[in-house]
Amino acid sequence: MPPTVYQRTAPWQRREIERYDAAALSRYQLGRLNHLLDIVLPQNEFYASKLGSVSIPLESLEQLSEFPFTFKEELLGNERSGGFAANLTFPIDEYCRFHRTSGTRGRPMIVLDTTADWQWWMETWQPVLDAAELESTDRVVMAFSFGPFIGFWSAFDAAVERNAMVAPTGAMTTVARLELIRSIGATIIFCTPSYALHMAEVARENQIDVASLSVKKIIVAGEPGGSIPAIRDQIESSWDAKVIDHSGASEVGPWGYADPLGRGIYVNEAQFIAEFLSIETGEPAEEDELSELVLTNLGRAGSPVFRYRTGDLVQPTWNDDQRSNFVLLSGGVLGRTDEMMIIRGVNIFPTAIEEILRGFPEIVEYRLTAFKAAAMDQLRIEIEDRLEAPDRVTTELQVRLGLRVEIQCVPLGSLPRFEAKGKRFIDQR
């Protein structure tokens, strides 16, 4: 059986590591990183080739900057890897978990985990469940279709490990899921922000008052939204339940958990090393600077990633309070590097527009389409608006973003609804 590099921790241990000062945290991460490298190299052909000139073991975390970046395109399987991800450390027979990325941004990638890797996934989920205060007395509904996407299965198993009652919903309709939530007295729902809003919409259409149900918390991920105030407020007011945000990726693991004050997401630096690259300069970012998140996981020996360019846009803040010394990403994940638009000299991200649109309770759904006109980025916005009054939206966008955009009202129910990641941004550039 492949060696284990994850460390199971009790709640008090997780809180203790959160409070490490910078020097203690660096020592802790360095020890974890060197242990992982001892296992991964030279067995992992992908990283043995990439890290051939790097001196191991590392004497300080600063040496991590000598590692080349890892990009998703490198990890995609090919004939040589049998279609599996290219960064596997062990023979295929050592892996017991098969999952696949959602393919939202290209060809889906197959990711594999060993038994030990899967236990590491359970460990990385614990801060997320700590933030939600999930207990054995909770009744949890997984509002997912349970395809091969890893987030669904890892969330399910992590909740089961806490001895909670966990109900999968498979291919149920939204109405059937709502009835299940009611009938079992569910206290926690796992879903995307998009689907939390869609369930509330379907409930209204079927005269179901979701605010009167027993749901107390909704744990969301898969897309920005849980840390965007307008979206979080809309979900919480509809359900009369608290939204708990978190972040992760199939290639990396569940790396982020909610700040209890709702300011954003903490990076779980007990299990991941975070770096930040300035969007403006490409150099290490300053505090509160818009940057790309780069991650190294510390416990997934079978599918490691070192200095992985996530493409996630964030604003890091350090030592913000006495609760945690882990880095806080203000506002959570703000968007994607490949989604940035420059419209008449203004840098725009879809999440900034979504926050404004969600501030209008009469807007049921929307879609953004980016396109080129005369070599310049342009944007068109379609909205399902119960008031059919797009001028007020145009004015708000102009006031808050300094941007005048074409707004088109479309019939109610004509735009797509989403169970998993919402695809409201169409890039035709």
Protein backbone atom coordinates (compact mmCIF):
# COMPACT_ATOMS: atom_id res chain seq x y z
CA MET A 1 0.00 0.00 0.00
CA PRO A 2 1.33 3.49 -0.81
CA PRO A 3 2.75 5.39 2.19
CA THR A 4 0.64 7.85 4.12
CA VAL A 5 1.62 11.51 4.40
CA TYR A 6 -1.58 13.01 5.77
CA GLN A 7 -1.98 13.63 9.49
CA ARG A 8 -5.35 13.17 11.21
CA THR A 9 -6.03 16.00 13.62
CA ALA A 10 -8.53 16.72 16.37
CA PRO A 11 -10.42 20.05 16.40
CA TRP A 12 -8.13 21.46 19.09
CA GLN A 13 -5.07 20.58 16.98
CA ARG A 14 -6.53 22.32 13.93
CA ARG A 15 -7.18 25.43 15.98
CA GLU A 16 -3.64 25.31 17.37
CA ILE A 17 -2.07 25.14 13.89
CA GLU A 18 -4.29 28.03 12.77
CA ARG A 19 -2.66 30.17 15.44
CA TYR A 20 0.94 29.35 14.54
CA ASP A 21 3.02 32.44 13.91
CA ALA A 22 4.69 32.81 10.51
CA ALA A 23 7.94 31.10 11.58
CA ALA A 24 6.20 28.12 13.21
CA LEU A 25 3.87 27.67 10.24
CA SER A 26 6.81 27.75 7.81
CA ARG A 27 8.62 25.06 9.81
CA TYR A 28 5.49 22.93 9.88
CA GLN A 29 4.89 23.28 6.14
CA LEU A 30 8.55 22.65 5.32
CA GLY A 31 8.53 19.37 7.25
CA ARG A 32 5.35 18.27 5.48
CA LEU A 33 6.72 19.28 2.07
CA ASN A 34 10.03 17.45 2.50
CA HIS A 35 8.22 14.32 3.69
CA LEU A 36 6.02 14.44 0.61
CA LEU A 37 8.98 14.99 -1.72
CA ASP A 38 10.77 11.98 -0.19
CA ILE A 39 7.83 9.80 -1.22
CA VAL A 40 7.03 11.38 -4.57
CA LEU A 41 10.56 11.49 -5.95
CA PRO A 42 11.83 9.71 -7.91
CA GLN A 43 8.73 7.50 -8.41
CA ASN A 44 6.65 10.28 -9.94
CA GLU A 45 7.98 10.58 -13.50
CA PHE A 46 6.15 13.83 -14.16
CA TYR A 47 7.74 15.67 -11.23
CA ALA A 48 11.05 13.84 -11.42
CA SER A 49 11.41 15.44 -14.84
CA LYS A 50 10.15 18.89 -13.77
CA LEU A 51 12.18 19.03 -10.55
CA GLY A 52 15.35 17.37 -11.78
CA SER A 53 17.55 20.40 -11.00
CA VAL A 54 16.04 21.09 -7.56
CA SER A 55 18.08 20.15 -4.48
CA ILE A 56 16.12 17.92 -2.09
CA PRO A 57 15.46 18.16 0.86
CA LEU A 58 14.67 21.83 0.98
CA GLU A 59 16.30 23.88 3.71
CA SER A 60 13.65 26.62 3.66
CA LEU A 61 10.27 27.33 2.06
CA GLU A 62 11.89 30.12 0.06
CA GLN A 63 13.42 27.38 -2.12
CA LEU A 64 9.94 26.46 -3.30
CA SER A 65 10.16 29.48 -5.61
CA GLU A 66 12.83 27.54 -7.56
CA PHE A 67 10.22 24.95 -8.57
CA PRO A 68 8.61 25.52 -11.96
CA PHE A 69 4.89 26.24 -12.00
CA THR A 70 2.44 23.45 -12.79
CA PHE A 71 -0.38 24.17 -15.25
CA LYS A 72 -3.57 22.20 -15.77
CA GLU A 73 -2.73 21.64 -19.44
CA GLU A 74 0.34 19.66 -18.35
CA LEU A 75 -1.75 17.34 -16.18
CA LEU A 76 -4.26 16.31 -18.83
CA GLY A 77 -3.91 12.63 -19.70
CA ASN A 78 -2.53 11.39 -22.98
CA GLU A 79 -1.75 8.04 -24.60
CA ARG A 80 1.41 7.70 -22.53
CA SER A 81 -0.52 8.10 -19.26
CA GLY A 82 -3.40 5.90 -20.41
CA GLY A 83 -5.75 8.88 -20.32
CA PHE A 84 -5.21 9.42 -16.59
CA ALA A 85 -3.70 12.56 -15.11
CA ALA A 86 0.01 12.84 -15.87
CA ASN A 87 1.15 13.47 -12.27
CA LEU A 88 0.46 10.01 -10.78
CA THR A 89 3.14 8.70 -8.43
CA PHE A 90 2.24 5.00 -8.12
CA PRO A 91 1.21 2.18 -10.48
CA ILE A 92 -2.45 2.38 -11.50
CA ASP A 93 -3.34 -0.68 -9.42
CA GLU A 94 -2.57 1.28 -6.26
CA TYR A 95 -5.46 3.70 -6.90
CA CYS A 96 -9.02 3.01 -5.75
CA ARG A 97 -10.84 6.30 -6.40
CA PHE A 98 -11.73 7.44 -9.91
CA HIS A 99 -13.09 10.93 -10.49
CA ARG A 100 -13.15 13.47 -13.27
CA THR A 101 -13.10 17.24 -13.47
CA SER A 102 -16.27 19.00 -14.55
CA GLY A 103 -14.82 20.08 -17.88
CA THR A 104 -16.23 23.58 -17.43
CA ARG A 105 -13.12 25.09 -19.01
CA GLY A 106 -12.07 22.41 -21.48
CA ARG A 107 -11.58 18.67 -21.73
CA PRO A 108 -12.42 16.79 -18.49
CA MET A 109 -9.41 15.35 -16.68
CA ILE A 110 -9.40 12.00 -14.92
CA VAL A 111 -8.02 12.19 -11.39
CA LEU A 112 -7.16 9.19 -9.22
CA ASP A 113 -6.59 8.77 -5.48
CA THR A 114 -5.18 6.02 -3.32
CA THR A 115 -6.83 4.94 -0.06
CA ALA A 116 -4.36 7.15 1.83
CA ASP A 117 -5.04 10.08 -0.50
CA TRP A 118 -8.76 9.75 0.15
CA GLN A 119 -8.17 9.88 3.89
CA TRP A 120 -6.21 13.08 3.27
CA TRP A 121 -9.24 14.46 1.44
CA MET A 122 -11.32 13.71 4.55
CA GLU A 123 -8.78 15.57 6.68
CA THR A 124 -8.83 18.62 4.40
CA TRP A 125 -12.64 18.69 4.65
CA GLN A 126 -12.59 19.00 8.43
CA PRO A 127 -12.06 22.81 8.61
CA VAL A 128 -14.99 23.22 6.20
CA LEU A 129 -17.21 21.14 8.46
CA ASP A 130 -15.80 22.89 11.55
CA ALA A 131 -16.88 26.22 10.04
CA ALA A 132 -20.37 24.78 9.51
CA GLU A 133 -20.37 23.24 13.01
CA LEU A 134 -21.60 20.00 11.46
CA GLU A 135 -22.41 17.44 14.18
CA SER A 136 -23.57 13.85 14.37
CA THR A 137 -27.11 15.04 15.10
CA ASP A 138 -27.34 16.87 11.75
CA ARG A 139 -29.35 15.55 8.83
CA VAL A 140 -27.56 16.37 5.61
CA VAL A 141 -28.91 16.46 2.06
CA MET A 142 -26.48 16.32 -0.85
CA ALA A 143 -28.27 18.22 -3.63
CA PHE A 144 -26.12 16.84 -6.43
CA SER A 145 -26.60 14.35 -9.24
CA PHE A 146 -23.49 12.36 -8.18
CA GLY A 147 -21.63 12.02 -11.44
CA PRO A 148 -17.85 11.51 -11.40
CA PHE A 149 -17.10 15.02 -10.02
CA ILE A 150 -14.95 14.58 -6.92
CA GLY A 151 -16.47 17.35 -4.81
CA PHE A 152 -19.79 15.52 -4.42
CA TRP A 153 -18.27 12.26 -3.24
CA SER A 154 -15.67 13.80 -0.93
CA ALA A 155 -18.32 15.97 0.74
CA PHE A 156 -20.56 12.92 1.24
CA ASP A 157 -17.82 10.80 2.81
CA ALA A 158 -16.59 13.65 5.01
CA ALA A 159 -20.08 14.20 6.45
CA VAL A 160 -20.49 10.44 6.99
CA GLU A 161 -17.20 10.40 8.93
CA ARG A 162 -18.82 12.77 11.42
CA ASN A 163 -21.64 10.26 11.90
CA ALA A 164 -24.26 12.60 10.49
CA MET A 165 -27.25 11.21 8.61
CA VAL A 166 -26.42 11.89 4.95
CA ALA A 167 -28.97 11.60 2.14
CA PRO A 168 -27.85 11.46 -1.51
CA THR A 169 -30.38 12.77 -4.02
CA GLY A 170 -29.03 11.31 -7.26
CA ALA A 171 -31.23 12.08 -10.26
CA MET A 172 -34.12 13.50 -8.23
CA THR A 173 -36.01 16.48 -9.57
CA THR A 174 -35.77 19.73 -7.66
CA VAL A 175 -39.31 19.30 -6.32
CA ALA A 176 -38.45 15.78 -5.13
CA ARG A 177 -35.35 17.11 -3.39
CA LEU A 178 -37.36 19.78 -1.65
CA GLU A 179 -39.81 17.15 -0.46
CA LEU A 180 -36.94 15.01 0.84
CA ILE A 181 -35.51 18.01 2.69
CA ARG A 182 -38.91 18.56 4.30
CA SER A 183 -39.68 14.92 5.07
CA ILE A 184 -36.42 14.05 6.84
CA GLY A 185 -36.07 17.40 8.61
CA ALA A 186 -32.76 18.23 6.92
CA THR A 187 -30.62 20.72 8.83
CA ILE A 188 -27.77 21.12 6.31
CA ILE A 189 -27.72 21.20 2.51
CA PHE A 190 -24.65 20.86 0.29
CA CYS A 191 -25.03 22.47 -3.16
CA THR A 192 -23.77 25.22 -5.45
CA PRO A 193 -24.88 28.83 -4.88
CA SER A 194 -26.73 28.64 -8.21
CA TYR A 195 -28.70 25.60 -7.13
CA ALA A 196 -29.56 27.06 -3.73
CA LEU A 197 -31.18 29.98 -5.56
CA HIS A 198 -32.84 27.67 -8.09
CA MET A 199 -34.36 25.49 -5.36
CA ALA A 200 -35.79 28.61 -3.73
CA GLU A 201 -37.25 29.69 -7.08
CA VAL A 202 -38.83 26.27 -7.71
CA ALA A 203 -40.18 26.26 -4.16
CA ARG A 204 -41.93 29.59 -4.72
CA GLU A 205 -43.48 28.26 -7.94
CA ASN A 206 -44.82 25.27 -6.01
CA GLN A 207 -46.03 27.21 -2.97
CA ILE A 208 -43.31 25.78 -0.73
CA ASP A 209 -41.94 28.11 1.94
CA VAL A 210 -38.29 27.04 2.25
CA ALA A 211 -37.74 29.53 5.07
CA SER A 212 -40.12 27.46 7.22
CA LEU A 213 -38.13 24.24 6.71
CA SER A 214 -35.63 22.92 9.25
CA VAL A 215 -32.55 23.88 7.19
CA LYS A 216 -30.10 25.92 9.26
CA LYS A 217 -27.00 25.93 7.06
CA ILE A 218 -26.23 25.68 3.35
CA ILE A 219 -22.66 24.68 2.47
CA VAL A 220 -21.81 25.95 -1.01
CA ALA A 221 -18.91 25.70 -3.45
CA GLY A 222 -18.19 25.08 -7.12
CA GLU A 223 -18.43 28.74 -8.18
CA PRO A 224 -18.05 32.23 -6.71
CA GLY A 225 -21.12 33.29 -4.80
CA GLY A 226 -20.96 32.08 -1.22
CA SER A 227 -18.67 34.98 -0.28
CA ILE A 228 -20.32 37.59 -2.51
CA PRO A 229 -22.57 39.59 -0.15
CA ALA A 230 -25.50 40.10 -2.55
CA ILE A 231 -25.66 36.41 -3.47
CA ARG A 232 -25.11 35.20 0.09
CA ASP A 233 -27.80 37.57 1.37
CA GLN A 234 -30.27 36.38 -1.28
CA ILE A 235 -29.73 32.74 -0.37
CA GLU A 236 -29.87 33.38 3.37
CA SER A 237 -33.02 35.49 3.18
CA SER A 238 -34.77 32.93 0.97
CA TRP A 239 -33.94 29.96 3.19
CA ASP A 240 -33.57 31.68 6.57
CA ALA A 241 -30.32 29.71 6.83
CA LYS A 242 -26.63 30.59 7.09
CA VAL A 243 -24.44 30.18 4.00
CA ILE A 244 -21.06 28.49 4.54
CA ASP A 245 -18.66 29.00 1.62
CA HIS A 246 -15.63 26.90 0.74
CA SER A 247 -13.32 26.28 -2.22
CA GLY A 248 -11.44 23.42 -3.80
CA ALA A 249 -10.38 21.84 -7.05
CA SER A 250 -10.16 18.26 -8.28
CA GLU A 251 -6.48 18.72 -9.13
CA VAL A 252 -5.59 20.23 -5.76
CA GLY A 253 -8.09 19.30 -3.04
CA PRO A 254 -10.48 21.23 -0.73
CA TRP A 255 -8.17 24.13 0.07
CA GLY A 256 -10.44 26.85 1.50
CA TYR A 257 -12.97 27.21 4.30
CA ALA A 258 -15.33 29.96 5.42
CA ASP A 259 -14.50 32.88 7.65
CA PRO A 260 -17.25 32.88 10.32
CA LEU A 261 -17.65 36.65 9.92
CA GLY A 262 -18.46 36.24 6.23
CA ARG A 263 -15.50 38.25 4.97
CA GLY A 264 -14.18 35.54 2.66
CA ILE A 265 -12.29 32.24 2.70
CA TYR A 266 -9.26 31.11 4.68
CA VAL A 267 -6.64 28.98 2.92
CA ASN A 268 -6.08 25.78 4.90
CA GLU A 269 -2.37 26.34 5.31
CA ALA A 270 -2.01 23.21 7.42
CA GLN A 271 -2.51 21.23 4.19
CA PHE A 272 -1.58 23.68 1.43
CA ILE A 273 1.15 26.21 0.73
CA ALA A 274 -0.32 29.33 -0.86
CA GLU A 275 1.47 31.81 -3.10
CA PHE A 276 0.06 34.87 -4.83
CA LEU A 277 1.11 36.31 -8.17
CA SER A 278 0.26 39.93 -8.92
CA ILE A 279 -2.06 40.27 -11.91
CA GLU A 280 -0.29 43.51 -12.80
CA THR A 281 3.34 42.39 -12.56
CA GLY A 282 3.40 38.58 -12.32
CA GLU A 283 5.63 38.96 -9.25
CA PRO A 284 4.72 37.98 -5.65
CA ALA A 285 1.71 40.04 -4.68
CA GLU A 286 1.41 42.55 -1.87
CA GLU A 287 -1.35 42.40 0.74
CA ASP A 288 -4.83 43.11 -0.68
CA GLU A 289 -3.47 43.11 -4.23
CA LEU A 290 -5.50 41.37 -6.94
CA SER A 291 -3.56 38.20 -7.62
CA GLU A 292 -3.66 34.65 -8.92
CA LEU A 293 -3.67 31.90 -6.31
CA VAL A 294 -0.89 29.30 -6.60
CA LEU A 295 -1.14 26.17 -4.45
CA THR A 296 1.02 23.24 -3.36
CA ASN A 297 -0.74 20.38 -1.59
CA LEU A 298 1.04 18.64 1.28
CA GLY A 299 -0.64 15.28 1.72
CA ARG A 300 -1.78 13.82 -1.59
CA ALA A 301 1.20 11.65 -2.45
CA GLY A 302 -0.56 9.74 -5.22
CA SER A 303 -1.53 12.88 -7.17
CA PRO A 304 0.66 15.73 -5.91
CA VAL A 305 0.78 19.24 -7.34
CA PHE A 306 3.59 21.67 -6.69
CA ARG A 307 3.08 25.39 -7.42
CA TYR A 308 -0.18 24.81 -9.26
CA ARG A 309 -1.52 27.84 -11.12
CA THR A 310 -5.18 27.69 -10.14
CA GLY A 311 -6.34 30.60 -12.30
CA ASP A 312 -8.39 31.84 -9.32
CA LEU A 313 -8.39 35.58 -8.68
CA VAL A 314 -8.08 36.54 -5.02
CA GLN A 315 -7.05 39.34 -2.65
CA PRO A 316 -4.90 37.99 0.23
CA THR A 317 -4.88 39.47 3.73
CA TRP A 318 -2.54 38.31 6.48
CA ASN A 319 -2.89 38.44 10.26
CA ASP A 320 -6.29 40.06 10.08
CA ASP A 321 -7.45 39.01 13.57
CA GLN A 322 -6.68 36.81 16.55
CA ARG A 323 -8.86 33.91 15.38
CA SER A 324 -6.51 32.62 12.71
CA ASN A 325 -3.08 33.38 11.29
CA PHE A 326 -3.90 31.63 8.02
CA VAL A 327 -4.21 33.90 4.99
CA LEU A 328 -7.71 35.26 4.40
CA LEU A 329 -8.95 35.77 0.84
CA SER A 330 -11.21 38.82 1.11
CA GLY A 331 -14.46 38.15 -0.73
CA GLY A 332 -13.43 34.56 -1.47
CA VAL A 333 -12.61 33.66 -5.07
CA LEU A 334 -13.33 36.81 -7.06
CA GLY A 335 -13.22 35.24 -10.52
CA ARG A 336 -10.91 33.63 -13.03
CA THR A 337 -7.86 35.05 -14.75
CA ASP A 338 -9.24 33.97 -18.13
CA GLU A 339 -12.57 35.75 -17.53
CA MET A 340 -11.22 39.28 -17.17
CA MET A 341 -12.64 41.72 -19.71
CA ILE A 342 -11.31 45.16 -20.56
CA ILE A 343 -14.28 47.17 -21.74
CA ARG A 344 -13.53 50.77 -22.71
CA GLY A 345 -10.51 50.73 -20.43
CA VAL A 346 -12.34 49.25 -17.42
CA ASN A 347 -11.23 45.88 -16.01
CA ILE A 348 -14.40 43.85 -15.40
CA PHE A 349 -14.97 40.41 -13.90
CA PRO A 350 -18.27 38.51 -14.16
CA THR A 351 -18.49 38.23 -10.36
CA ALA A 352 -18.56 42.03 -10.01
CA ILE A 353 -21.53 42.19 -12.37
CA GLU A 354 -23.24 39.24 -10.67
CA GLU A 355 -23.06 40.96 -7.29
CA ILE A 356 -24.86 43.97 -8.75
CA LEU A 357 -27.50 41.90 -10.56
CA ARG A 358 -28.22 39.82 -7.45
CA GLY A 359 -28.92 43.04 -5.61
CA PHE A 360 -32.19 43.27 -7.57
CA PRO A 361 -34.55 40.67 -6.04
CA GLU A 362 -36.82 40.88 -9.11
CA ILE A 363 -34.05 39.52 -11.38
CA VAL A 364 -34.57 35.77 -11.44
CA GLU A 365 -31.73 34.72 -13.75
CA TYR A 366 -29.16 36.28 -16.03
CA ARG A 367 -26.52 35.55 -18.68
CA LEU A 368 -23.41 37.49 -19.71
CA THR A 369 -21.94 37.22 -23.21
CA ALA A 370 -18.52 38.64 -23.98
CA PHE A 371 -17.62 39.20 -27.63
CA LYS A 372 -15.25 41.16 -29.82
CA ALA A 373 -16.25 44.20 -31.83
CA ALA A 374 -13.55 46.06 -33.75
CA ALA A 375 -10.86 44.20 -31.76
CA MET A 376 -12.35 45.42 -28.47
CA ASP A 377 -14.08 43.45 -25.71
CA GLN A 378 -17.82 44.05 -25.53
CA LEU A 379 -20.46 42.71 -23.15
CA ARG A 380 -24.15 41.89 -23.50
CA ILE A 381 -26.34 41.06 -20.49
CA GLU A 382 -29.64 39.17 -20.66
CA ILE A 383 -31.89 39.22 -17.60
CA GLU A 384 -35.13 37.59 -16.54
CA ASP A 385 -36.69 40.54 -14.74
CA ARG A 386 -40.13 40.38 -13.15
CA LEU A 387 -40.37 44.17 -13.49
CA GLU A 388 -39.11 44.22 -17.10
CA ALA A 389 -37.28 47.44 -16.31
CA PRO A 390 -33.69 47.14 -17.56
CA ASP A 391 -32.97 50.88 -17.31
CA ARG A 392 -32.53 50.71 -13.53
CA VAL A 393 -29.93 47.95 -14.00
CA THR A 394 -28.11 49.96 -16.66
CA THR A 395 -27.94 52.92 -14.30
CA GLU A 396 -26.64 50.83 -11.38
CA LEU A 397 -23.89 49.28 -13.51
CA GLN A 398 -22.86 52.71 -14.74
CA VAL A 399 -22.77 54.16 -11.22
CA ARG A 400 -20.89 51.31 -9.59
CA LEU A 401 -18.61 50.13 -12.40
CA GLY A 402 -18.41 53.21 -14.63
CA LEU A 403 -19.66 51.02 -17.46
CA ARG A 404 -22.59 51.32 -19.85
CA VAL A 405 -23.70 47.88 -21.05
CA GLU A 406 -26.48 46.62 -23.28
CA ILE A 407 -29.19 45.05 -21.09
CA GLN A 408 -31.83 42.85 -22.69
CA CYS A 409 -34.93 41.53 -20.92
CA VAL A 410 -35.86 37.96 -21.87
CA PRO A 411 -38.97 35.93 -20.92
CA LEU A 412 -39.11 34.39 -17.46
CA GLY A 413 -37.86 30.81 -17.53
CA SER A 414 -36.02 31.19 -20.85
CA LEU A 415 -32.45 31.15 -19.49
CA PRO A 416 -30.75 27.94 -18.31
CA ARG A 417 -30.88 26.80 -14.68
CA PHE A 418 -27.98 24.97 -13.06
CA GLU A 419 -27.59 22.19 -10.54
CA ALA A 420 -23.79 22.17 -10.55
CA LYS A 421 -21.54 25.03 -11.60
CA GLY A 422 -23.48 27.87 -13.16
CA LYS A 423 -22.49 28.71 -16.75
CA ARG A 424 -23.77 32.27 -16.92
CA PHE A 425 -20.67 33.69 -18.60
CA ILE A 426 -20.38 32.95 -22.32
CA ASP A 427 -17.03 33.97 -23.76
CA GLN A 428 -17.16 34.43 -27.54
CA ARG A 429 -14.02 36.53 -27.79
